[in-house]
Amino acid sequence: MGGLYLGVLERSGSDKTGFKIVKNTIGTIAIVLGVIIFMNLKKEGIIWEAYAPGKIELVAENNQAVIIDFYADWCIPSLEL
């Protein structure tokens, strides 16, 4: 929104050519960065799978990393996470 305001709507300094170029450039860059960030929000994150012993052996054979997320109901630090 700030890029749109700065690049298109704000008219202050329009009589000064250098300032207008800098202002429009910064506004355009802000709009482009906003679009890029918005497009990256749509990407999928980690797809978690339920634990199964066969999956661990399969991953170990392929020399891939594994993250196991576990907790205990009685453990206060685990519940805080």
C-alpha atoms as a PDB file:
ATOM      1  CA  MET A   1       0.000   0.000   0.000  1.00  0.00           C
ATOM      2  CA  GLY A   2       2.846   2.365   0.803  1.00  0.00           C
ATOM      3  CA  GLY A   3       4.427   1.773  -2.603  1.00  0.00           C
ATOM      4  CA  LEU A   4       1.154   2.512  -4.360  1.00  0.00           C
ATOM      5  CA  TYR A   5       0.719   5.702  -2.364  1.00  0.00           C
ATOM      6  CA  LEU A   6       4.301   6.830  -2.840  1.00  0.00           C
ATOM      7  CA  GLY A   7       4.603   5.873  -6.503  1.00  0.00           C
ATOM      8  CA  VAL A   8       1.208   6.937  -7.810  1.00  0.00           C
ATOM      9  CA  LEU A   9      -0.992   8.942  -5.454  1.00  0.00           C
ATOM     10  CA  GLU A  10       1.374  11.292  -3.611  1.00  0.00           C
ATOM     11  CA  ARG A  11       1.903  14.480  -5.627  1.00  0.00           C
ATOM     12  CA  SER A  12       4.306  16.427  -3.414  1.00  0.00           C
ATOM     13  CA  GLY A  13       7.530  17.427  -5.111  1.00  0.00           C
ATOM     14  CA  SER A  14       6.132  16.868  -8.594  1.00  0.00           C
ATOM     15  CA  ASP A  15       7.758  20.105  -9.785  1.00  0.00           C
ATOM     16  CA  LYS A  16      11.232  18.743  -9.007  1.00  0.00           C
ATOM     17  CA  THR A  17      12.277  16.185 -11.630  1.00  0.00           C
ATOM     18  CA  GLY A  18      15.016  14.428  -9.628  1.00  0.00           C
ATOM     19  CA  PHE A  19      12.851  14.018  -6.550  1.00  0.00           C
ATOM     20  CA  LYS A  20       9.956  12.731  -8.642  1.00  0.00           C
ATOM     21  CA  ILE A  21      12.179  10.079 -10.267  1.00  0.00           C
ATOM     22  CA  VAL A  22      13.532   8.902  -6.901  1.00  0.00           C
ATOM     23  CA  LYS A  23      10.041   8.861  -5.357  1.00  0.00           C
ATOM     24  CA  ASN A  24       8.523   6.912  -8.261  1.00  0.00           C
ATOM     25  CA  THR A  25      11.456   4.460  -8.265  1.00  0.00           C
ATOM     26  CA  ILE A  26      11.120   3.746  -4.544  1.00  0.00           C
ATOM     27  CA  GLY A  27       7.346   3.386  -4.929  1.00  0.00           C
ATOM     28  CA  THR A  28       7.755   0.933  -7.808  1.00  0.00           C
ATOM     29  CA  ILE A  29      10.339  -1.118  -5.897  1.00  0.00           C
ATOM     30  CA  ALA A  30       7.998  -1.272  -2.887  1.00  0.00           C
ATOM     31  CA  ILE A  31       5.136  -2.521  -5.078  1.00  0.00           C
ATOM     32  CA  VAL A  32       7.320  -5.182  -6.733  1.00  0.00           C
ATOM     33  CA  LEU A  33       8.684  -6.399  -3.374  1.00  0.00           C
ATOM     34  CA  GLY A  34       5.149  -6.537  -1.972  1.00  0.00           C
ATOM     35  CA  VAL A  35       3.997  -8.704  -4.890  1.00  0.00           C
ATOM     36  CA  ILE A  36       7.021 -11.015  -4.522  1.00  0.00           C
ATOM     37  CA  ILE A  37       6.404 -11.448  -0.785  1.00  0.00           C
ATOM     38  CA  PHE A  38       2.696 -12.107  -1.384  1.00  0.00           C
ATOM     39  CA  MET A  39       3.495 -14.760  -4.000  1.00  0.00           C
ATOM     40  CA  ASN A  40       5.900 -16.527  -1.603  1.00  0.00           C
ATOM     41  CA  LEU A  41       3.182 -16.781   1.048  1.00  0.00           C
ATOM     42  CA  LYS A  42       1.338 -19.258  -1.171  1.00  0.00           C
ATOM     43  CA  LYS A  43       4.158 -21.817  -1.154  1.00  0.00           C
ATOM     44  CA  GLU A  44       3.645 -25.031   0.764  1.00  0.00           C
ATOM     45  CA  GLY A  45       5.610 -25.580   3.916  1.00  0.00           C
ATOM     46  CA  ILE A  46       6.718 -28.837   5.430  1.00  0.00           C
ATOM     47  CA  ILE A  47       4.318 -31.702   4.935  1.00  0.00           C
ATOM     48  CA  TRP A  48       4.256 -33.626   8.216  1.00  0.00           C
ATOM     49  CA  GLU A  49       3.572 -37.351   8.138  1.00  0.00           C
ATOM     50  CA  ALA A  50       2.418 -39.652  10.920  1.00  0.00           C
ATOM     51  CA  TYR A  51       5.077 -41.861  12.495  1.00  0.00           C
ATOM     52  CA  ALA A  52       5.554 -45.337  11.094  1.00  0.00           C
ATOM     53  CA  PRO A  53       8.624 -47.532  11.720  1.00  0.00           C
ATOM     54  CA  GLY A  54       8.911 -48.457   8.035  1.00  0.00           C
ATOM     55  CA  LYS A  55       9.285 -44.817   7.017  1.00  0.00           C
ATOM     56  CA  ILE A  56      12.288 -44.329   9.283  1.00  0.00           C
ATOM     57  CA  GLU A  57      14.152 -47.287   7.750  1.00  0.00           C
ATOM     58  CA  LEU A  58      13.314 -46.104   4.237  1.00  0.00           C
ATOM     59  CA  VAL A  59      14.695 -42.649   4.904  1.00  0.00           C
ATOM     60  CA  ALA A  60      17.789 -44.072   6.639  1.00  0.00           C
ATOM     61  CA  GLU A  61      18.579 -46.181   3.569  1.00  0.00           C
ATOM     62  CA  ASN A  62      18.516 -43.051   1.387  1.00  0.00           C
ATOM     63  CA  ASN A  63      20.730 -41.050   3.798  1.00  0.00           C
ATOM     64  CA  GLN A  64      18.056 -38.385   4.266  1.00  0.00           C
ATOM     65  CA  ALA A  65      17.437 -36.306   7.373  1.00  0.00           C
ATOM     66  CA  VAL A  66      14.472 -36.964   9.644  1.00  0.00           C
ATOM     67  CA  ILE A  67      12.785 -34.667  12.144  1.00  0.00           C
ATOM     68  CA  ILE A  68      10.656 -36.392  14.754  1.00  0.00           C
ATOM     69  CA  ASP A  69       8.307 -34.097  16.665  1.00  0.00           C
ATOM     70  CA  PHE A  70       7.257 -35.561  20.004  1.00  0.00           C
ATOM     71  CA  TYR A  71       6.002 -34.393  23.361  1.00  0.00           C
ATOM     72  CA  ALA A  72       4.751 -35.674  26.698  1.00  0.00           C
ATOM     73  CA  ASP A  73       1.500 -34.519  28.306  1.00  0.00           C
ATOM     74  CA  TRP A  74       3.136 -34.471  31.750  1.00  0.00           C
ATOM     75  CA  CYS A  75       6.173 -32.422  30.630  1.00  0.00           C
ATOM     76  CA  ILE A  76       5.638 -28.680  31.184  1.00  0.00           C
ATOM     77  CA  PRO A  77       8.422 -27.527  28.758  1.00  0.00           C
ATOM     78  CA  SER A  78       6.952 -29.794  26.060  1.00  0.00           C
ATOM     79  CA  LEU A  79       3.516 -28.271  26.564  1.00  0.00           C
ATOM     80  CA  GLU A  80       4.967 -24.747  26.338  1.00  0.00           C
ATOM     81  CA  LEU A  81       6.318 -25.453  22.862  1.00  0.00           C
END
